[in-house]
């Protein structure tokens, strides 16, 4: 993935800000899961706990979908 960006620097030439294209920002947000609503995040946390505990009855068999 290529991210087009432009650095904004201070008087000493040190980077202070970065400007990203909106499409690149939205892609990063999606990859990091920052676009998920609270309900979905909660469901994912519960599913992770079920998986860690080996709670197989919390899942559907892929063949049944």
PDB file of N, CA and C in Angstrom:
ATOM      1  N   UNK A   1       0.845  -1.181   0.000  1.00  0.00           N
ATOM      2  CA  UNK A   1       0.000   0.000   0.000  1.00  0.00           C
ATOM      3  C   UNK A   1       0.885   1.238   0.000  1.00  0.00           C
ATOM      4  N   UNK A   2       0.603   2.136  -0.881  1.00  0.00           N
ATOM      5  CA  UNK A   2       1.351   3.393  -0.943  1.00  0.00           C
ATOM      6  C   UNK A   2       0.485   4.508  -0.354  1.00  0.00           C
ATOM      7  N   UNK A   3       1.062   5.268   0.553  1.00  0.00           N
ATOM      8  CA  UNK A   3       0.347   6.369   1.182  1.00  0.00           C
ATOM      9  C   UNK A   3       0.969   7.667   0.686  1.00  0.00           C
ATOM     10  N   UNK A   4       0.163   8.457   0.010  1.00  0.00           N
ATOM     11  CA  UNK A   4       0.618   9.774  -0.428  1.00  0.00           C
ATOM     12  C   UNK A   4       0.511  10.728   0.750  1.00  0.00           C
ATOM     13  N   UNK A   5       1.600  11.408   1.062  1.00  0.00           N
ATOM     14  CA  UNK A   5       1.596  12.287   2.228  1.00  0.00           C
ATOM     15  C   UNK A   5       2.473  13.504   1.977  1.00  0.00           C
ATOM     16  N   UNK A   6       2.177  14.549   2.726  1.00  0.00           N
ATOM     17  CA  UNK A   6       2.971  15.772   2.672  1.00  0.00           C
ATOM     18  C   UNK A   6       3.274  16.178   4.111  1.00  0.00           C
ATOM     19  N   UNK A   7       4.549  16.412   4.401  1.00  0.00           N
ATOM     20  CA  UNK A   7       4.948  16.804   5.747  1.00  0.00           C
ATOM     21  C   UNK A   7       4.910  18.319   5.883  1.00  0.00           C
ATOM     22  N   UNK A   8       4.401  18.760   7.011  1.00  0.00           N
ATOM     23  CA  UNK A   8       4.433  20.181   7.388  1.00  0.00           C
ATOM     24  C   UNK A   8       5.513  20.300   8.451  1.00  0.00           C
ATOM     25  N   UNK A   9       6.481  21.189   8.230  1.00  0.00           N
ATOM     26  CA  UNK A   9       7.615  21.321   9.148  1.00  0.00           C
ATOM     27  C   UNK A   9       7.601  22.674   9.844  1.00  0.00           C
ATOM     28  N   UNK A  10       8.286  22.735  10.995  1.00  0.00           N
ATOM     29  CA  UNK A  10       8.408  24.002  11.716  1.00  0.00           C
ATOM     30  C   UNK A  10       9.593  24.802  11.169  1.00  0.00           C
ATOM     31  N   UNK A  11       9.910  25.901  11.842  1.00  0.00           N
ATOM     32  CA  UNK A  11      10.985  26.787  11.397  1.00  0.00           C
ATOM     33  C   UNK A  11      12.347  26.097  11.368  1.00  0.00           C
ATOM     34  N   UNK A  12      12.520  25.061  12.196  1.00  0.00           N
ATOM     35  CA  UNK A  12      13.788  24.325  12.240  1.00  0.00           C
ATOM     36  C   UNK A  12      13.794  23.140  11.260  1.00  0.00           C
ATOM     37  N   UNK A  13      12.724  22.970  10.522  1.00  0.00           N
ATOM     38  CA  UNK A  13      12.647  21.875   9.567  1.00  0.00           C
ATOM     39  C   UNK A  13      12.203  20.544  10.167  1.00  0.00           C
ATOM     40  N   UNK A  14      11.754  20.569  11.417  1.00  0.00           N
ATOM     41  CA  UNK A  14      11.288  19.335  12.066  1.00  0.00           C
ATOM     42  C   UNK A  14       9.825  19.073  11.696  1.00  0.00           C
ATOM     43  N   UNK A  15       9.508  17.841  11.313  1.00  0.00           N
ATOM     44  CA  UNK A  15       8.119  17.512  10.960  1.00  0.00           C
ATOM     45  C   UNK A  15       7.182  17.728  12.150  1.00  0.00           C
ATOM     46  N   UNK A  16       6.081  18.405  11.892  1.00  0.00           N
ATOM     47  CA  UNK A  16       5.084  18.674  12.933  1.00  0.00           C
ATOM     48  C   UNK A  16       3.715  18.101  12.580  1.00  0.00           C
ATOM     49  N   UNK A  17       3.413  18.031  11.301  1.00  0.00           N
ATOM     50  CA  UNK A  17       2.114  17.530  10.854  1.00  0.00           C
ATOM     51  C   UNK A  17       2.294  16.773   9.548  1.00  0.00           C
ATOM     52  N   UNK A  18       1.301  15.941   9.241  1.00  0.00           N
ATOM     53  CA  UNK A  18       1.289  15.214   7.979  1.00  0.00           C
ATOM     54  C   UNK A  18      -0.080  15.403   7.345  1.00  0.00           C
ATOM     55  N   UNK A  19      -0.090  15.678   6.059  1.00  0.00           N
ATOM     56  CA  UNK A  19      -1.331  15.787   5.306  1.00  0.00           C
ATOM     57  C   UNK A  19      -1.457  14.534   4.448  1.00  0.00           C
ATOM     58  N   UNK A  20      -2.602  13.834   4.591  1.00  0.00           N
ATOM     59  CA  UNK A  20      -2.875  12.625   3.821  1.00  0.00           C
ATOM     60  C   UNK A  20      -4.064  12.867   2.907  1.00  0.00           C
ATOM     61  N   UNK A  21      -4.068  12.177   1.784  1.00  0.00           N
ATOM     62  CA  UNK A  21      -5.266  12.180   0.951  1.00  0.00           C
ATOM     63  C   UNK A  21      -6.379  11.502   1.733  1.00  0.00           C
ATOM     64  N   UNK A  22      -7.589  11.965   1.572  1.00  0.00           N
ATOM     65  CA  UNK A  22      -8.714  11.408   2.309  1.00  0.00           C
ATOM     66  C   UNK A  22      -8.865   9.912   2.043  1.00  0.00           C
ATOM     67  N   UNK A  23      -8.694   9.484   0.794  1.00  0.00           N
ATOM     68  CA  UNK A  23      -8.844   8.056   0.477  1.00  0.00           C
ATOM     69  C   UNK A  23      -7.812   7.222   1.229  1.00  0.00           C
ATOM     70  N   UNK A  24      -6.601   7.737   1.395  1.00  0.00           N
ATOM     71  CA  UNK A  24      -5.567   7.016   2.141  1.00  0.00           C
ATOM     72  C   UNK A  24      -5.903   6.977   3.628  1.00  0.00           C
ATOM     73  N   UNK A  25      -6.375   8.094   4.165  1.00  0.00           N
ATOM     74  CA  UNK A  25      -6.765   8.151   5.572  1.00  0.00           C
ATOM     75  C   UNK A  25      -7.886   7.157   5.858  1.00  0.00           C
ATOM     76  N   UNK A  26      -8.898   7.125   4.991  1.00  0.00           N
ATOM     77  CA  UNK A  26     -10.029   6.215   5.196  1.00  0.00           C
ATOM     78  C   UNK A  26      -9.581   4.761   5.124  1.00  0.00           C
ATOM     79  N   UNK A  27      -8.642   4.466   4.246  1.00  0.00           N
ATOM     80  CA  UNK A  27      -8.112   3.089   4.135  1.00  0.00           C
ATOM     81  C   UNK A  27      -7.373   2.698   5.417  1.00  0.00           C
ATOM     82  N   UNK A  28      -6.552   3.602   5.945  1.00  0.00           N
ATOM     83  CA  UNK A  28      -5.830   3.341   7.203  1.00  0.00           C
ATOM     84  C   UNK A  28      -6.827   3.138   8.340  1.00  0.00           C
ATOM     85  N   UNK A  29      -7.826   4.003   8.397  1.00  0.00           N
ATOM     86  CA  UNK A  29      -8.852   3.904   9.436  1.00  0.00           C
ATOM     87  C   UNK A  29      -9.551   2.543   9.380  1.00  0.00           C
ATOM     88  N   UNK A  30      -9.854   2.075   8.167  1.00  0.00           N
ATOM     89  CA  UNK A  30     -10.502   0.780   8.001  1.00  0.00           C
ATOM     90  C   UNK A  30      -9.566  -0.360   8.408  1.00  0.00           C
ATOM     91  N   UNK A  31      -8.306  -0.297   7.989  1.00  0.00           N
ATOM     92  CA  UNK A  31      -7.343  -1.344   8.333  1.00  0.00           C
ATOM     93  C   UNK A  31      -7.154  -1.476   9.840  1.00  0.00           C
ATOM     94  N   UNK A  32      -7.200  -0.360  10.543  1.00  0.00           N
ATOM     95  CA  UNK A  32      -7.019  -0.364  11.999  1.00  0.00           C
ATOM     96  C   UNK A  32      -8.317  -0.646  12.761  1.00  0.00           C
ATOM     97  N   UNK A  33      -9.427  -0.714  12.041  1.00  0.00           N
ATOM     98  CA  UNK A  33     -10.711  -0.970  12.688  1.00  0.00           C
ATOM     99  C   UNK A  33     -11.289   0.242  13.385  1.00  0.00           C
ATOM    100  N   UNK A  34     -10.778   1.422  13.064  1.00  0.00           N
ATOM    101  CA  UNK A  34     -11.255   2.632  13.717  1.00  0.00           C
ATOM    102  C   UNK A  34     -12.596   3.103  13.173  1.00  0.00           C
ATOM    103  N   UNK A  35     -13.058   2.478  12.095  1.00  0.00           N
ATOM    104  CA  UNK A  35     -14.340   2.845  11.504  1.00  0.00           C
ATOM    105  C   UNK A  35     -15.502   2.022  12.070  1.00  0.00           C
ATOM    106  N   UNK A  36     -15.219   1.129  13.013  1.00  0.00           N
ATOM    107  CA  UNK A  36     -16.248   0.259  13.582  1.00  0.00           C
ATOM    108  C   UNK A  36     -17.014   0.979  14.687  1.00  0.00           C
ATOM    109  N   UNK A  37     -18.324   0.720  14.740  1.00  0.00           N
ATOM    110  CA  UNK A  37     -19.129   1.316  15.805  1.00  0.00           C
ATOM    111  C   UNK A  37     -18.931   0.541  17.113  1.00  0.00           C
ATOM    112  N   UNK A  38     -19.389   1.119  18.199  1.00  0.00           N
ATOM    113  CA  UNK A  38     -19.182   0.530  19.529  1.00  0.00           C
ATOM    114  C   UNK A  38     -19.813  -0.856  19.658  1.00  0.00           C
ATOM    115  N   UNK A  39     -20.974  -1.054  19.048  1.00  0.00           N
ATOM    116  CA  UNK A  39     -21.650  -2.348  19.130  1.00  0.00           C
ATOM    117  C   UNK A  39     -20.805  -3.445  18.464  1.00  0.00           C
ATOM    118  N   UNK A  40     -20.253  -3.129  17.313  1.00  0.00           N
ATOM    119  CA  UNK A  40     -19.427  -4.102  16.593  1.00  0.00           C
ATOM    120  C   UNK A  40     -18.151  -4.412  17.360  1.00  0.00           C
ATOM    121  N   UNK A  41     -17.520  -3.390  17.929  1.00  0.00           N
ATOM    122  CA  UNK A  41     -16.304  -3.588  18.723  1.00  0.00           C
ATOM    123  C   UNK A  41     -16.609  -4.495  19.916  1.00  0.00           C
ATOM    124  N   UNK A  42     -17.753  -4.273  20.563  1.00  0.00           N
ATOM    125  CA  UNK A  42     -18.148  -5.105  21.705  1.00  0.00           C
ATOM    126  C   UNK A  42     -18.364  -6.556  21.272  1.00  0.00           C
ATOM    127  N   UNK A  43     -19.006  -6.751  20.120  1.00  0.00           N
ATOM    128  CA  UNK A  43     -19.226  -8.104  19.615  1.00  0.00           C
ATOM    129  C   UNK A  43     -17.896  -8.801  19.310  1.00  0.00           C
ATOM    130  N   UNK A  44     -16.962  -8.081  18.750  1.00  0.00           N
ATOM    131  CA  UNK A  44     -15.652  -8.657  18.445  1.00  0.00           C
ATOM    132  C   UNK A  44     -14.897  -9.027  19.720  1.00  0.00           C
ATOM    133  N   UNK A  45     -15.002  -8.192  20.750  1.00  0.00           N
ATOM    134  CA  UNK A  45     -14.350  -8.509  22.031  1.00  0.00           C
ATOM    135  C   UNK A  45     -14.942  -9.777  22.649  1.00  0.00           C
ATOM    136  N   UNK A  46     -16.267  -9.881  22.605  1.00  0.00           N
ATOM    137  CA  UNK A  46     -16.925 -11.070  23.154  1.00  0.00           C
ATOM    138  C   UNK A  46     -16.536 -12.313  22.360  1.00  0.00           C
ATOM    139  N   UNK A  47     -16.464 -12.193  21.039  1.00  0.00           N
ATOM    140  CA  UNK A  47     -16.072 -13.331  20.204  1.00  0.00           C
ATOM    141  C   UNK A  47     -14.637 -13.755  20.500  1.00  0.00           C
ATOM    142  N   UNK A  48     -13.765 -12.788  20.737  1.00  0.00           N
ATOM    143  CA  UNK A  48     -12.371 -13.103  21.074  1.00  0.00           C
ATOM    144  C   UNK A  48     -12.298 -13.872  22.385  1.00  0.00           C
ATOM    145  N   UNK A  49     -13.080 -13.432  23.383  1.00  0.00           N
ATOM    146  CA  UNK A  49     -13.098 -14.134  24.671  1.00  0.00           C
ATOM    147  C   UNK A  49     -13.624 -15.561  24.506  1.00  0.00           C
ATOM    148  N   UNK A  50     -14.687 -15.707  23.696  1.00  0.00           N
ATOM    149  CA  UNK A  50     -15.229 -17.045  23.451  1.00  0.00           C
ATOM    150  C   UNK A  50     -14.174 -17.941  22.811  1.00  0.00           C
ATOM    151  N   UNK A  51     -13.442 -17.399  21.836  1.00  0.00           N
ATOM    152  CA  UNK A  51     -12.408 -18.184  21.153  1.00  0.00           C
ATOM    153  C   UNK A  51     -11.298 -18.570  22.123  1.00  0.00           C
ATOM    154  N   UNK A  52     -10.869 -17.613  22.966  1.00  0.00           N
ATOM    155  CA  UNK A  52      -9.801 -17.888  23.926  1.00  0.00           C
ATOM    156  C   UNK A  52     -10.213 -18.941  24.943  1.00  0.00           C
ATOM    157  N   UNK A  53     -11.482 -18.969  25.271  1.00  0.00           N
ATOM    158  CA  UNK A  53     -11.994 -19.937  26.253  1.00  0.00           C
ATOM    159  C   UNK A  53     -12.370 -21.272  25.613  1.00  0.00           C
ATOM    160  N   UNK A  54     -12.245 -21.336  24.283  1.00  0.00           N
ATOM    161  CA  UNK A  54     -12.587 -22.575  23.594  1.00  0.00           C
ATOM    162  C   UNK A  54     -14.074 -22.854  23.543  1.00  0.00           C
ATOM    163  N   UNK A  55     -14.867 -21.821  23.621  1.00  0.00           N
ATOM    164  CA  UNK A  55     -16.331 -21.949  23.647  1.00  0.00           C
ATOM    165  C   UNK A  55     -16.849 -22.130  22.213  1.00  0.00           C
ATOM    166  N   UNK A  56     -16.788 -23.360  21.728  1.00  0.00           N
ATOM    167  CA  UNK A  56     -17.120 -23.660  20.331  1.00  0.00           C
ATOM    168  C   UNK A  56     -18.600 -23.488  20.014  1.00  0.00           C
ATOM    169  N   UNK A  57     -19.473 -23.608  21.012  1.00  0.00           N
ATOM    170  CA  UNK A  57     -20.904 -23.460  20.742  1.00  0.00           C
ATOM    171  C   UNK A  57     -21.298 -22.016  20.428  1.00  0.00           C
ATOM    172  N   UNK A  58     -20.376 -21.085  20.603  1.00  0.00           N
ATOM    173  CA  UNK A  58     -20.646 -19.684  20.287  1.00  0.00           C
ATOM    174  C   UNK A  58     -20.465 -19.390  18.802  1.00  0.00           C
ATOM    175  N   UNK A  59     -19.985 -20.378  18.038  1.00  0.00           N
ATOM    176  CA  UNK A  59     -19.699 -20.187  16.626  1.00  0.00           C
ATOM    177  C   UNK A  59     -20.549 -21.091  15.753  1.00  0.00           C
ATOM    178  N   UNK A  60     -20.745 -20.663  14.510  1.00  0.00           N
ATOM    179  CA  UNK A  60     -21.436 -21.469  13.522  1.00  0.00           C
ATOM    180  C   UNK A  60     -20.401 -22.203  12.678  1.00  0.00           C
ATOM    181  N   UNK A  61     -20.734 -23.407  12.302  1.00  0.00           N
ATOM    182  CA  UNK A  61     -19.886 -24.151  11.371  1.00  0.00           C
ATOM    183  C   UNK A  61     -19.997 -23.479  10.000  1.00  0.00           C
ATOM    184  N   UNK A  62     -18.888 -23.291   9.313  1.00  0.00           N
ATOM    185  CA  UNK A  62     -18.916 -22.620   8.016  1.00  0.00           C
ATOM    186  C   UNK A  62     -19.811 -23.313   7.015  1.00  0.00           C
ATOM    187  N   UNK A  63     -19.929 -24.615   7.104  1.00  0.00           N
ATOM    188  CA  UNK A  63     -20.789 -25.354   6.186  1.00  0.00           C
ATOM    189  C   UNK A  63     -22.271 -25.051   6.402  1.00  0.00           C
ATOM    190  N   UNK A  64     -22.631 -24.523   7.565  1.00  0.00           N
ATOM    191  CA  UNK A  64     -24.035 -24.239   7.856  1.00  0.00           C
ATOM    192  C   UNK A  64     -24.456 -22.848   7.374  1.00  0.00           C
ATOM    193  N   UNK A  65     -23.510 -22.096   6.881  1.00  0.00           N
ATOM    194  CA  UNK A  65     -23.831 -20.730   6.432  1.00  0.00           C
ATOM    195  C   UNK A  65     -24.224 -20.741   4.979  1.00  0.00           C
TER     196      UNK A  65
END
